[in-house]
């Protein structure tokens, strides 16, 4: 009697464990998205670059030399950009991540740097046109009024050897002012 009770208990335990094992397997709730035309464009920006950062304030732009390394991550789905400007205590670093959603044709980017503790986010409003990335600032704090609205535009020139990135401060309708640009020359 004991051996048959043990057998029944063992069968129940094995059945329960098999059921738990099956329940622990993750079920795909969303198909993986494959890299698209935007990722192909981002790939053309990968590499090592010398950078001139130009801050536009008044009549005399401030230029700072720097370097950047850009590379594809997460199976070719995102471009990571690691920037460095200056030396010693004046050295500033920053990291950007940009991705493209083939489903809607839009880019999203995040930026963080050594000068601040906040992150910035930007997103396309219109689908990718195949030659330039245009992003608009996003307000990450829903309880705060949007204080600074910006538009950025990035494109390649000189057969891919020069990357121009410009940031504009947006005012009223149709008003914008260039505040910063990165002029990047491909190394090697």
C-alpha atoms as a PDB file:
ATOM      1  CA  UNK A   1       0.000   0.000   0.000  1.00  0.00           C
ATOM      2  CA  UNK A   2       2.806   2.345   0.892  1.00  0.00           C
ATOM      3  CA  UNK A   3       4.610   1.691  -2.351  1.00  0.00           C
ATOM      4  CA  UNK A   4       1.487   2.395  -4.395  1.00  0.00           C
ATOM      5  CA  UNK A   5       0.896   5.625  -2.428  1.00  0.00           C
ATOM      6  CA  UNK A   6       4.507   6.604  -3.034  1.00  0.00           C
ATOM      7  CA  UNK A   7       4.085   5.832  -6.720  1.00  0.00           C
ATOM      8  CA  UNK A   8       0.977   8.011  -6.944  1.00  0.00           C
ATOM      9  CA  UNK A   9       2.698  10.867  -5.074  1.00  0.00           C
ATOM     10  CA  UNK A  10       5.762  10.544  -7.312  1.00  0.00           C
ATOM     11  CA  UNK A  11       3.584  10.665 -10.442  1.00  0.00           C
ATOM     12  CA  UNK A  12       1.723  13.716  -9.122  1.00  0.00           C
ATOM     13  CA  UNK A  13       5.007  15.479  -8.296  1.00  0.00           C
ATOM     14  CA  UNK A  14       6.474  14.708 -11.700  1.00  0.00           C
ATOM     15  CA  UNK A  15       3.305  15.930 -13.411  1.00  0.00           C
ATOM     16  CA  UNK A  16       3.313  19.130 -11.364  1.00  0.00           C
ATOM     17  CA  UNK A  17       6.997  19.747 -12.103  1.00  0.00           C
ATOM     18  CA  UNK A  18       6.450  19.161 -15.813  1.00  0.00           C
ATOM     19  CA  UNK A  19       3.557  21.626 -15.727  1.00  0.00           C
ATOM     20  CA  UNK A  20       5.707  24.223 -13.953  1.00  0.00           C
ATOM     21  CA  UNK A  21       8.542  23.760 -16.413  1.00  0.00           C
ATOM     22  CA  UNK A  22       6.156  24.368 -19.283  1.00  0.00           C
ATOM     23  CA  UNK A  23       4.713  27.428 -17.536  1.00  0.00           C
ATOM     24  CA  UNK A  24       8.181  28.947 -17.074  1.00  0.00           C
ATOM     25  CA  UNK A  25       9.007  28.965 -20.761  1.00  0.00           C
ATOM     26  CA  UNK A  26       8.551  32.514 -22.024  1.00  0.00           C
ATOM     27  CA  UNK A  27       5.942  32.847 -24.693  1.00  0.00           C
ATOM     28  CA  UNK A  28       6.752  35.286 -27.450  1.00  0.00           C
ATOM     29  CA  UNK A  29       4.271  38.135 -27.140  1.00  0.00           C
ATOM     30  CA  UNK A  30       5.835  40.267 -29.801  1.00  0.00           C
ATOM     31  CA  UNK A  31       7.791  39.210 -32.864  1.00  0.00           C
ATOM     32  CA  UNK A  32      11.390  40.404 -33.073  1.00  0.00           C
ATOM     33  CA  UNK A  33      11.832  43.358 -35.352  1.00  0.00           C
ATOM     34  CA  UNK A  34      14.597  43.055 -37.894  1.00  0.00           C
ATOM     35  CA  UNK A  35      16.912  45.929 -38.806  1.00  0.00           C
ATOM     36  CA  UNK A  36      15.534  48.057 -41.634  1.00  0.00           C
ATOM     37  CA  UNK A  37      16.522  50.863 -43.987  1.00  0.00           C
ATOM     38  CA  UNK A  38      17.216  53.188 -41.038  1.00  0.00           C
ATOM     39  CA  UNK A  39      19.733  50.771 -39.564  1.00  0.00           C
ATOM     40  CA  UNK A  40      21.462  50.563 -42.953  1.00  0.00           C
ATOM     41  CA  UNK A  41      21.772  54.366 -42.863  1.00  0.00           C
ATOM     42  CA  UNK A  42      23.064  54.305 -39.273  1.00  0.00           C
ATOM     43  CA  UNK A  43      25.702  51.729 -40.295  1.00  0.00           C
ATOM     44  CA  UNK A  44      27.167  54.294 -42.709  1.00  0.00           C
ATOM     45  CA  UNK A  45      27.881  56.515 -39.695  1.00  0.00           C
ATOM     46  CA  UNK A  46      29.849  53.867 -37.798  1.00  0.00           C
ATOM     47  CA  UNK A  47      33.575  54.474 -37.392  1.00  0.00           C
ATOM     48  CA  UNK A  48      36.061  56.828 -35.746  1.00  0.00           C
ATOM     49  CA  UNK A  49      35.686  60.570 -36.258  1.00  0.00           C
ATOM     50  CA  UNK A  50      37.489  63.802 -35.428  1.00  0.00           C
ATOM     51  CA  UNK A  51      34.922  66.319 -34.244  1.00  0.00           C
ATOM     52  CA  UNK A  52      34.659  70.085 -34.098  1.00  0.00           C
ATOM     53  CA  UNK A  53      31.876  71.142 -31.744  1.00  0.00           C
ATOM     54  CA  UNK A  54      30.655  74.665 -32.507  1.00  0.00           C
ATOM     55  CA  UNK A  55      28.473  76.503 -29.979  1.00  0.00           C
ATOM     56  CA  UNK A  56      26.668  79.470 -31.501  1.00  0.00           C
ATOM     57  CA  UNK A  57      26.175  82.284 -28.978  1.00  0.00           C
ATOM     58  CA  UNK A  58      26.271  85.763 -30.354  1.00  0.00           C
ATOM     59  CA  UNK A  59      28.718  86.741 -33.077  1.00  0.00           C
ATOM     60  CA  UNK A  60      31.678  84.584 -32.012  1.00  0.00           C
ATOM     61  CA  UNK A  61      31.066  80.829 -32.206  1.00  0.00           C
ATOM     62  CA  UNK A  62      33.025  78.752 -29.679  1.00  0.00           C
ATOM     63  CA  UNK A  63      34.867  75.793 -31.237  1.00  0.00           C
ATOM     64  CA  UNK A  64      36.054  72.772 -29.284  1.00  0.00           C
ATOM     65  CA  UNK A  65      37.956  69.842 -30.824  1.00  0.00           C
ATOM     66  CA  UNK A  66      37.047  66.292 -29.933  1.00  0.00           C
ATOM     67  CA  UNK A  67      36.748  62.695 -31.029  1.00  0.00           C
ATOM     68  CA  UNK A  68      33.924  60.240 -31.523  1.00  0.00           C
ATOM     69  CA  UNK A  69      33.621  56.510 -31.956  1.00  0.00           C
ATOM     70  CA  UNK A  70      30.326  55.224 -33.391  1.00  0.00           C
ATOM     71  CA  UNK A  71      29.396  51.562 -33.632  1.00  0.00           C
ATOM     72  CA  UNK A  72      26.363  49.358 -34.116  1.00  0.00           C
ATOM     73  CA  UNK A  73      25.116  47.404 -31.079  1.00  0.00           C
ATOM     74  CA  UNK A  74      22.387  44.877 -30.252  1.00  0.00           C
ATOM     75  CA  UNK A  75      22.704  42.895 -33.449  1.00  0.00           C
ATOM     76  CA  UNK A  76      22.871  45.951 -35.709  1.00  0.00           C
ATOM     77  CA  UNK A  77      19.700  47.529 -34.311  1.00  0.00           C
ATOM     78  CA  UNK A  78      21.171  50.658 -32.649  1.00  0.00           C
ATOM     79  CA  UNK A  79      24.071  53.072 -33.188  1.00  0.00           C
ATOM     80  CA  UNK A  80      26.039  54.058 -30.095  1.00  0.00           C
ATOM     81  CA  UNK A  81      28.135  57.229 -30.197  1.00  0.00           C
ATOM     82  CA  UNK A  82      30.862  57.909 -27.616  1.00  0.00           C
ATOM     83  CA  UNK A  83      32.164  61.493 -27.667  1.00  0.00           C
ATOM     84  CA  UNK A  84      35.085  63.143 -25.830  1.00  0.00           C
ATOM     85  CA  UNK A  85      36.048  66.827 -25.851  1.00  0.00           C
ATOM     86  CA  UNK A  86      38.936  68.592 -24.093  1.00  0.00           C
ATOM     87  CA  UNK A  87      41.615  67.315 -21.724  1.00  0.00           C
ATOM     88  CA  UNK A  88      42.199  66.942 -17.996  1.00  0.00           C
ATOM     89  CA  UNK A  89      39.634  68.538 -15.701  1.00  0.00           C
ATOM     90  CA  UNK A  90      37.976  70.205 -18.685  1.00  0.00           C
ATOM     91  CA  UNK A  91      37.390  66.869 -20.403  1.00  0.00           C
ATOM     92  CA  UNK A  92      33.736  66.265 -21.265  1.00  0.00           C
ATOM     93  CA  UNK A  93      32.283  62.991 -22.453  1.00  0.00           C
ATOM     94  CA  UNK A  94      28.886  62.049 -23.829  1.00  0.00           C
ATOM     95  CA  UNK A  95      27.062  59.001 -25.110  1.00  0.00           C
ATOM     96  CA  UNK A  96      24.221  58.792 -27.569  1.00  0.00           C
ATOM     97  CA  UNK A  97      22.068  55.856 -28.611  1.00  0.00           C
ATOM     98  CA  UNK A  98      19.840  56.026 -31.683  1.00  0.00           C
ATOM     99  CA  UNK A  99      17.509  53.440 -33.121  1.00  0.00           C
ATOM    100  CA  UNK A 100      15.075  53.131 -35.996  1.00  0.00           C
ATOM    101  CA  UNK A 101      11.644  51.511 -36.004  1.00  0.00           C
ATOM    102  CA  UNK A 102      11.038  49.984 -39.448  1.00  0.00           C
ATOM    103  CA  UNK A 103       7.327  49.637 -38.640  1.00  0.00           C
ATOM    104  CA  UNK A 104       6.765  53.418 -38.638  1.00  0.00           C
ATOM    105  CA  UNK A 105       9.958  54.746 -40.271  1.00  0.00           C
ATOM    106  CA  UNK A 106      10.963  56.867 -37.262  1.00  0.00           C
ATOM    107  CA  UNK A 107      14.147  57.319 -35.234  1.00  0.00           C
ATOM    108  CA  UNK A 108      14.412  57.735 -31.454  1.00  0.00           C
ATOM    109  CA  UNK A 109      17.580  58.866 -29.659  1.00  0.00           C
ATOM    110  CA  UNK A 110      18.822  59.293 -26.092  1.00  0.00           C
ATOM    111  CA  UNK A 111      21.787  61.360 -24.938  1.00  0.00           C
ATOM    112  CA  UNK A 112      23.625  61.671 -21.628  1.00  0.00           C
ATOM    113  CA  UNK A 113      26.871  63.431 -20.787  1.00  0.00           C
ATOM    114  CA  UNK A 114      29.374  64.181 -18.045  1.00  0.00           C
ATOM    115  CA  UNK A 115      28.244  67.806 -17.584  1.00  0.00           C
ATOM    116  CA  UNK A 116      24.708  67.000 -16.398  1.00  0.00           C
ATOM    117  CA  UNK A 117      22.673  64.390 -14.566  1.00  0.00           C
ATOM    118  CA  UNK A 118      19.675  64.441 -16.874  1.00  0.00           C
ATOM    119  CA  UNK A 119      19.117  62.593 -20.110  1.00  0.00           C
ATOM    120  CA  UNK A 120      17.627  64.015 -23.257  1.00  0.00           C
ATOM    121  CA  UNK A 121      15.410  62.205 -25.722  1.00  0.00           C
ATOM    122  CA  UNK A 122      14.465  63.026 -29.295  1.00  0.00           C
ATOM    123  CA  UNK A 123      12.179  61.440 -31.873  1.00  0.00           C
ATOM    124  CA  UNK A 124      11.275  61.808 -35.526  1.00  0.00           C
ATOM    125  CA  UNK A 125       7.927  63.326 -36.391  1.00  0.00           C
ATOM    126  CA  UNK A 126       7.978  62.235 -40.024  1.00  0.00           C
ATOM    127  CA  UNK A 127       9.174  58.948 -41.547  1.00  0.00           C
ATOM    128  CA  UNK A 128      12.818  58.729 -42.656  1.00  0.00           C
ATOM    129  CA  UNK A 129      13.450  60.313 -46.077  1.00  0.00           C
ATOM    130  CA  UNK A 130      16.504  58.143 -46.813  1.00  0.00           C
ATOM    131  CA  UNK A 131      19.146  60.880 -46.540  1.00  0.00           C
ATOM    132  CA  UNK A 132      18.877  62.730 -43.212  1.00  0.00           C
ATOM    133  CA  UNK A 133      17.738  62.173 -39.654  1.00  0.00           C
ATOM    134  CA  UNK A 134      15.478  64.887 -38.236  1.00  0.00           C
ATOM    135  CA  UNK A 135      14.562  64.652 -34.549  1.00  0.00           C
ATOM    136  CA  UNK A 136      12.578  66.815 -32.123  1.00  0.00           C
ATOM    137  CA  UNK A 137      13.105  67.050 -28.378  1.00  0.00           C
ATOM    138  CA  UNK A 138      10.813  65.054 -26.103  1.00  0.00           C
ATOM    139  CA  UNK A 139       9.718  66.132 -22.647  1.00  0.00           C
ATOM    140  CA  UNK A 140      10.498  63.233 -20.306  1.00  0.00           C
ATOM    141  CA  UNK A 141       8.740  64.820 -17.302  1.00  0.00           C
ATOM    142  CA  UNK A 142       4.965  64.841 -17.827  1.00  0.00           C
ATOM    143  CA  UNK A 143       4.468  67.129 -14.792  1.00  0.00           C
ATOM    144  CA  UNK A 144       6.759  69.855 -16.120  1.00  0.00           C
ATOM    145  CA  UNK A 145       6.136  72.282 -18.934  1.00  0.00           C
ATOM    146  CA  UNK A 146       8.397  71.784 -21.911  1.00  0.00           C
ATOM    147  CA  UNK A 147      11.072  74.409 -21.378  1.00  0.00           C
ATOM    148  CA  UNK A 148      13.400  73.988 -24.315  1.00  0.00           C
ATOM    149  CA  UNK A 149      12.194  72.718 -27.667  1.00  0.00           C
ATOM    150  CA  UNK A 150      14.847  71.691 -30.172  1.00  0.00           C
ATOM    151  CA  UNK A 151      15.180  70.146 -33.591  1.00  0.00           C
ATOM    152  CA  UNK A 152      18.282  68.266 -34.700  1.00  0.00           C
ATOM    153  CA  UNK A 153      19.299  67.293 -38.192  1.00  0.00           C
ATOM    154  CA  UNK A 154      22.092  64.900 -39.187  1.00  0.00           C
ATOM    155  CA  UNK A 155      23.311  64.052 -42.670  1.00  0.00           C
ATOM    156  CA  UNK A 156      26.414  62.790 -44.463  1.00  0.00           C
ATOM    157  CA  UNK A 157      28.412  64.794 -47.001  1.00  0.00           C
ATOM    158  CA  UNK A 158      31.568  64.273 -49.060  1.00  0.00           C
ATOM    159  CA  UNK A 159      30.693  60.650 -49.976  1.00  0.00           C
ATOM    160  CA  UNK A 160      30.258  59.695 -46.319  1.00  0.00           C
ATOM    161  CA  UNK A 161      33.511  61.224 -45.085  1.00  0.00           C
ATOM    162  CA  UNK A 162      31.816  64.156 -43.309  1.00  0.00           C
ATOM    163  CA  UNK A 163      28.903  63.941 -40.888  1.00  0.00           C
ATOM    164  CA  UNK A 164      27.095  67.177 -40.037  1.00  0.00           C
ATOM    165  CA  UNK A 165      24.870  67.316 -36.970  1.00  0.00           C
ATOM    166  CA  UNK A 166      23.040  70.575 -36.204  1.00  0.00           C
ATOM    167  CA  UNK A 167      20.821  71.493 -33.273  1.00  0.00           C
ATOM    168  CA  UNK A 168      18.298  74.313 -33.513  1.00  0.00           C
ATOM    169  CA  UNK A 169      16.369  76.029 -30.728  1.00  0.00           C
ATOM    170  CA  UNK A 170      12.722  76.359 -31.714  1.00  0.00           C
ATOM    171  CA  UNK A 171      10.766  79.545 -31.081  1.00  0.00           C
ATOM    172  CA  UNK A 172       7.361  80.454 -32.452  1.00  0.00           C
ATOM    173  CA  UNK A 173       5.965  78.894 -35.622  1.00  0.00           C
ATOM    174  CA  UNK A 174       8.691  78.826 -38.277  1.00  0.00           C
ATOM    175  CA  UNK A 175      11.303  80.349 -35.928  1.00  0.00           C
ATOM    176  CA  UNK A 176      14.500  78.500 -35.128  1.00  0.00           C
ATOM    177  CA  UNK A 177      18.062  79.432 -34.230  1.00  0.00           C
ATOM    178  CA  UNK A 178      21.215  77.336 -34.731  1.00  0.00           C
ATOM    179  CA  UNK A 179      22.731  76.743 -31.280  1.00  0.00           C
ATOM    180  CA  UNK A 180      25.190  73.886 -31.812  1.00  0.00           C
ATOM    181  CA  UNK A 181      26.762  71.871 -34.584  1.00  0.00           C
ATOM    182  CA  UNK A 182      29.108  68.940 -34.766  1.00  0.00           C
ATOM    183  CA  UNK A 183      31.299  68.780 -37.838  1.00  0.00           C
ATOM    184  CA  UNK A 184      32.680  65.260 -37.952  1.00  0.00           C
ATOM    185  CA  UNK A 185      35.434  64.061 -40.287  1.00  0.00           C
ATOM    186  CA  UNK A 186      35.963  60.332 -40.708  1.00  0.00           C
ATOM    187  CA  UNK A 187      39.407  59.122 -39.596  1.00  0.00           C
ATOM    188  CA  UNK A 188      41.506  57.013 -41.948  1.00  0.00           C
END
